[in-house]
């Protein structure tokens, strides 16, 4: 966004509107980041208890589902949206 506005200063107002509208998603994904960290701490506890393989499967599945879920949410929200033409 910064490079776009620097190269085309006339798009500054449109960039401000777009940033304000996507602020909800920024806050949502910021909150999801900390929920991931909590889950990682849980996997460390499993490893400390001697359940190493189960902890590894847990972490692999956790990241797989998180990333697939985030991709699905992004696709649902942004599917069919075409960027504005300059």
N, C-alpha and C. Protein backbone atom coordinates (compact mmCIF):
# COMPACT_ATOMS: atom_id res chain seq x y z
N UNK A 1 0.83 -1.18 0.00
CA UNK A 1 0.00 0.00 0.00
C UNK A 1 0.88 1.25 0.00
N UNK A 2 1.95 1.17 0.78
CA UNK A 2 2.85 2.32 0.85
C UNK A 2 3.48 2.60 -0.51
N UNK A 3 3.95 1.56 -1.17
CA UNK A 3 4.56 1.75 -2.49
C UNK A 3 3.56 2.29 -3.50
N UNK A 4 2.33 1.82 -3.40
CA UNK A 4 1.29 2.29 -4.31
C UNK A 4 1.04 3.78 -4.11
N UNK A 5 0.92 4.21 -2.87
CA UNK A 5 0.63 5.62 -2.59
C UNK A 5 1.83 6.50 -2.92
N UNK A 6 3.04 5.99 -2.69
CA UNK A 6 4.22 6.78 -3.02
C UNK A 6 4.33 6.97 -4.53
N UNK A 7 4.02 5.91 -5.27
CA UNK A 7 4.12 6.02 -6.73
C UNK A 7 2.95 6.78 -7.34
N UNK A 8 1.78 6.74 -6.67
CA UNK A 8 0.61 7.45 -7.19
C UNK A 8 -0.05 8.22 -6.05
N UNK A 9 0.39 9.42 -5.76
CA UNK A 9 -0.15 10.20 -4.63
C UNK A 9 -1.64 10.50 -4.75
N UNK A 10 -2.20 10.45 -5.95
CA UNK A 10 -3.62 10.73 -6.10
C UNK A 10 -4.50 9.63 -5.49
N UNK A 11 -3.90 8.49 -5.17
CA UNK A 11 -4.66 7.38 -4.57
C UNK A 11 -4.64 7.42 -3.04
N UNK A 12 -4.14 8.47 -2.46
CA UNK A 12 -4.04 8.55 -1.01
C UNK A 12 -5.40 8.46 -0.33
N UNK A 13 -6.40 9.15 -0.84
CA UNK A 13 -7.73 9.11 -0.23
C UNK A 13 -8.33 7.70 -0.32
N UNK A 14 -8.17 7.06 -1.46
CA UNK A 14 -8.68 5.69 -1.62
C UNK A 14 -7.95 4.73 -0.69
N UNK A 15 -6.66 4.94 -0.49
CA UNK A 15 -5.89 4.09 0.41
C UNK A 15 -6.35 4.27 1.86
N UNK A 16 -6.66 5.48 2.25
CA UNK A 16 -7.16 5.72 3.61
C UNK A 16 -8.49 5.02 3.84
N UNK A 17 -9.37 5.07 2.85
CA UNK A 17 -10.67 4.40 2.97
C UNK A 17 -10.47 2.89 3.05
N UNK A 18 -9.62 2.35 2.19
CA UNK A 18 -9.37 0.91 2.20
C UNK A 18 -8.75 0.46 3.52
N UNK A 19 -7.84 1.23 4.05
CA UNK A 19 -7.22 0.90 5.33
C UNK A 19 -8.24 0.92 6.46
N UNK A 20 -9.11 1.90 6.47
CA UNK A 20 -10.14 1.98 7.52
C UNK A 20 -11.10 0.80 7.43
N UNK A 21 -11.45 0.38 6.22
CA UNK A 21 -12.39 -0.74 6.06
C UNK A 21 -11.78 -2.08 6.43
N UNK A 22 -10.48 -2.24 6.24
CA UNK A 22 -9.84 -3.52 6.55
C UNK A 22 -9.28 -3.58 7.96
N UNK A 23 -9.47 -2.56 8.76
CA UNK A 23 -8.95 -2.54 10.13
C UNK A 23 -9.56 -3.67 10.96
N UNK A 24 -10.79 -4.03 10.71
CA UNK A 24 -11.44 -5.12 11.44
C UNK A 24 -10.67 -6.42 11.25
N UNK A 25 -10.25 -6.69 10.02
CA UNK A 25 -9.50 -7.91 9.73
C UNK A 25 -8.13 -7.89 10.40
N UNK A 26 -7.50 -6.73 10.44
CA UNK A 26 -6.20 -6.60 11.09
C UNK A 26 -6.30 -6.96 12.57
N UNK A 27 -7.33 -6.46 13.21
CA UNK A 27 -7.54 -6.76 14.63
C UNK A 27 -7.85 -8.25 14.83
N UNK A 28 -8.66 -8.81 13.95
CA UNK A 28 -9.02 -10.23 14.05
C UNK A 28 -7.79 -11.12 13.91
N UNK A 29 -6.98 -10.87 12.90
CA UNK A 29 -5.80 -11.70 12.69
C UNK A 29 -4.75 -11.47 13.78
N UNK A 30 -4.69 -10.28 14.35
CA UNK A 30 -3.80 -10.02 15.47
C UNK A 30 -4.21 -10.87 16.67
N UNK A 31 -5.50 -10.96 16.93
CA UNK A 31 -5.99 -11.79 18.03
C UNK A 31 -5.72 -13.27 17.77
N UNK A 32 -5.85 -13.70 16.52
CA UNK A 32 -5.59 -15.10 16.18
C UNK A 32 -4.12 -15.45 16.39
N UNK A 33 -3.23 -14.51 16.24
CA UNK A 33 -1.81 -14.75 16.45
C UNK A 33 -1.55 -15.18 17.89
N UNK A 34 -2.19 -14.50 18.83
CA UNK A 34 -1.95 -14.84 20.22
C UNK A 34 -2.63 -16.15 20.62
N UNK A 35 -3.72 -16.52 19.96
CA UNK A 35 -4.32 -17.82 20.26
C UNK A 35 -3.40 -18.93 19.76
N UNK A 36 -2.66 -18.69 18.66
CA UNK A 36 -1.68 -19.68 18.19
C UNK A 36 -0.57 -19.87 19.21
N UNK A 37 -0.10 -18.79 19.79
CA UNK A 37 0.97 -18.89 20.78
C UNK A 37 0.51 -19.70 21.99
N UNK A 38 -0.72 -19.54 22.40
CA UNK A 38 -1.25 -20.32 23.52
C UNK A 38 -1.25 -21.80 23.19
N UNK A 39 -1.61 -22.12 21.97
CA UNK A 39 -1.62 -23.53 21.55
C UNK A 39 -0.21 -24.10 21.50
N UNK A 40 0.77 -23.29 21.11
CA UNK A 40 2.15 -23.77 21.09
C UNK A 40 2.63 -24.10 22.50
N UNK A 41 2.24 -23.29 23.47
CA UNK A 41 2.62 -23.59 24.85
C UNK A 41 2.04 -24.92 25.30
N UNK A 42 0.82 -25.22 24.85
CA UNK A 42 0.20 -26.50 25.18
C UNK A 42 1.02 -27.65 24.62
N UNK A 43 1.52 -27.49 23.38
CA UNK A 43 2.32 -28.56 22.78
C UNK A 43 3.63 -28.74 23.53
N UNK A 44 4.21 -27.67 24.07
CA UNK A 44 5.43 -27.80 24.87
C UNK A 44 5.16 -28.61 26.14
N UNK A 45 4.01 -28.41 26.74
CA UNK A 45 3.65 -29.18 27.93
C UNK A 45 3.53 -30.66 27.59
N UNK A 46 2.96 -30.98 26.42
CA UNK A 46 2.86 -32.38 26.01
C UNK A 46 4.24 -33.00 25.86
N UNK A 47 5.17 -32.25 25.25
CA UNK A 47 6.52 -32.77 25.04
C UNK A 47 7.22 -32.99 26.39
N UNK A 48 6.99 -32.11 27.34
CA UNK A 48 7.61 -32.27 28.65
C UNK A 48 7.08 -33.49 29.38
N UNK A 49 5.85 -33.88 29.08
CA UNK A 49 5.26 -35.05 29.74
C UNK A 49 5.72 -36.36 29.10
N UNK A 50 6.54 -36.27 28.04
CA UNK A 50 7.05 -37.49 27.40
C UNK A 50 6.18 -37.99 26.27
N UNK A 51 5.32 -37.17 25.75
CA UNK A 51 4.45 -37.58 24.65
C UNK A 51 4.92 -36.85 23.39
N UNK A 52 6.18 -37.07 23.02
CA UNK A 52 6.81 -36.32 21.94
C UNK A 52 6.15 -36.48 20.59
N UNK A 53 5.89 -37.73 20.19
CA UNK A 53 5.28 -37.95 18.88
C UNK A 53 3.88 -37.37 18.80
N UNK A 54 3.13 -37.56 19.85
CA UNK A 54 1.78 -37.00 19.88
C UNK A 54 1.84 -35.48 19.81
N UNK A 55 2.81 -34.88 20.49
CA UNK A 55 2.97 -33.43 20.43
C UNK A 55 3.33 -32.99 19.02
N UNK A 56 4.19 -33.74 18.33
CA UNK A 56 4.56 -33.40 16.97
C UNK A 56 3.35 -33.47 16.04
N UNK A 57 2.57 -34.53 16.15
CA UNK A 57 1.35 -34.65 15.33
C UNK A 57 0.39 -33.51 15.65
N UNK A 58 0.28 -33.17 16.90
CA UNK A 58 -0.58 -32.08 17.33
C UNK A 58 -0.17 -30.77 16.69
N UNK A 59 1.13 -30.47 16.71
CA UNK A 59 1.62 -29.21 16.15
C UNK A 59 1.44 -29.19 14.64
N UNK A 60 1.75 -30.29 13.95
CA UNK A 60 1.59 -30.34 12.49
C UNK A 60 0.13 -30.14 12.11
N UNK A 61 -0.77 -30.82 12.78
CA UNK A 61 -2.20 -30.68 12.49
C UNK A 61 -2.69 -29.28 12.84
N UNK A 62 -2.20 -28.75 13.94
CA UNK A 62 -2.60 -27.42 14.37
C UNK A 62 -2.26 -26.39 13.31
N UNK A 63 -1.01 -26.40 12.83
CA UNK A 63 -0.62 -25.43 11.81
C UNK A 63 -1.35 -25.68 10.50
N UNK A 64 -1.54 -26.95 10.16
CA UNK A 64 -2.26 -27.27 8.93
C UNK A 64 -3.68 -26.72 8.96
N UNK A 65 -4.39 -26.98 10.03
CA UNK A 65 -5.77 -26.51 10.12
C UNK A 65 -5.86 -25.00 10.24
N UNK A 66 -4.92 -24.41 10.96
CA UNK A 66 -4.94 -22.95 11.11
C UNK A 66 -4.74 -22.30 9.75
N UNK A 67 -3.75 -22.76 9.02
CA UNK A 67 -3.47 -22.13 7.73
C UNK A 67 -4.57 -22.41 6.72
N UNK A 68 -5.09 -23.62 6.72
CA UNK A 68 -6.20 -23.91 5.81
C UNK A 68 -7.43 -23.10 6.19
N UNK A 69 -7.67 -22.96 7.48
CA UNK A 69 -8.81 -22.16 7.93
C UNK A 69 -8.67 -20.70 7.56
N UNK A 70 -7.47 -20.17 7.72
CA UNK A 70 -7.25 -18.77 7.35
C UNK A 70 -7.39 -18.57 5.85
N UNK A 71 -6.89 -19.51 5.08
CA UNK A 71 -7.06 -19.41 3.63
C UNK A 71 -8.54 -19.45 3.25
N UNK A 72 -9.29 -20.33 3.89
CA UNK A 72 -10.72 -20.43 3.60
C UNK A 72 -11.45 -19.14 3.96
N UNK A 73 -11.14 -18.58 5.13
CA UNK A 73 -11.78 -17.33 5.54
C UNK A 73 -11.42 -16.20 4.57
N UNK A 74 -10.16 -16.14 4.18
CA UNK A 74 -9.74 -15.11 3.22
C UNK A 74 -10.47 -15.27 1.91
N UNK A 75 -10.58 -16.50 1.45
CA UNK A 75 -11.26 -16.75 0.18
C UNK A 75 -12.74 -16.35 0.27
N UNK A 76 -13.39 -16.68 1.39
CA UNK A 76 -14.81 -16.34 1.56
C UNK A 76 -15.00 -14.82 1.53
N UNK A 77 -14.14 -14.10 2.25
CA UNK A 77 -14.31 -12.65 2.32
C UNK A 77 -13.92 -11.93 1.05
N UNK A 78 -12.87 -12.42 0.38
CA UNK A 78 -12.33 -11.66 -0.73
C UNK A 78 -12.58 -12.29 -2.10
N UNK A 79 -13.33 -13.38 -2.18
CA UNK A 79 -13.61 -14.03 -3.46
C UNK A 79 -14.46 -13.11 -4.34
N UNK A 80 -14.02 -12.94 -5.55
CA UNK A 80 -14.78 -12.12 -6.50
C UNK A 80 -14.52 -10.64 -6.42
N UNK A 81 -13.71 -10.20 -5.47
CA UNK A 81 -13.41 -8.78 -5.36
C UNK A 81 -12.28 -8.48 -6.33
N UNK A 82 -12.51 -7.53 -7.18
CA UNK A 82 -11.51 -7.14 -8.16
C UNK A 82 -10.87 -5.85 -7.69
N UNK A 83 -9.54 -5.77 -7.72
CA UNK A 83 -8.88 -4.53 -7.31
C UNK A 83 -9.30 -3.38 -8.22
N UNK A 84 -9.40 -2.18 -7.68
CA UNK A 84 -9.80 -1.04 -8.52
C UNK A 84 -8.75 -0.76 -9.58
N UNK A 85 -9.24 -0.37 -10.73
CA UNK A 85 -8.32 -0.03 -11.82
C UNK A 85 -7.93 1.43 -11.71
N UNK A 86 -6.70 1.70 -12.02
CA UNK A 86 -6.21 3.07 -11.93
C UNK A 86 -6.53 3.87 -13.18
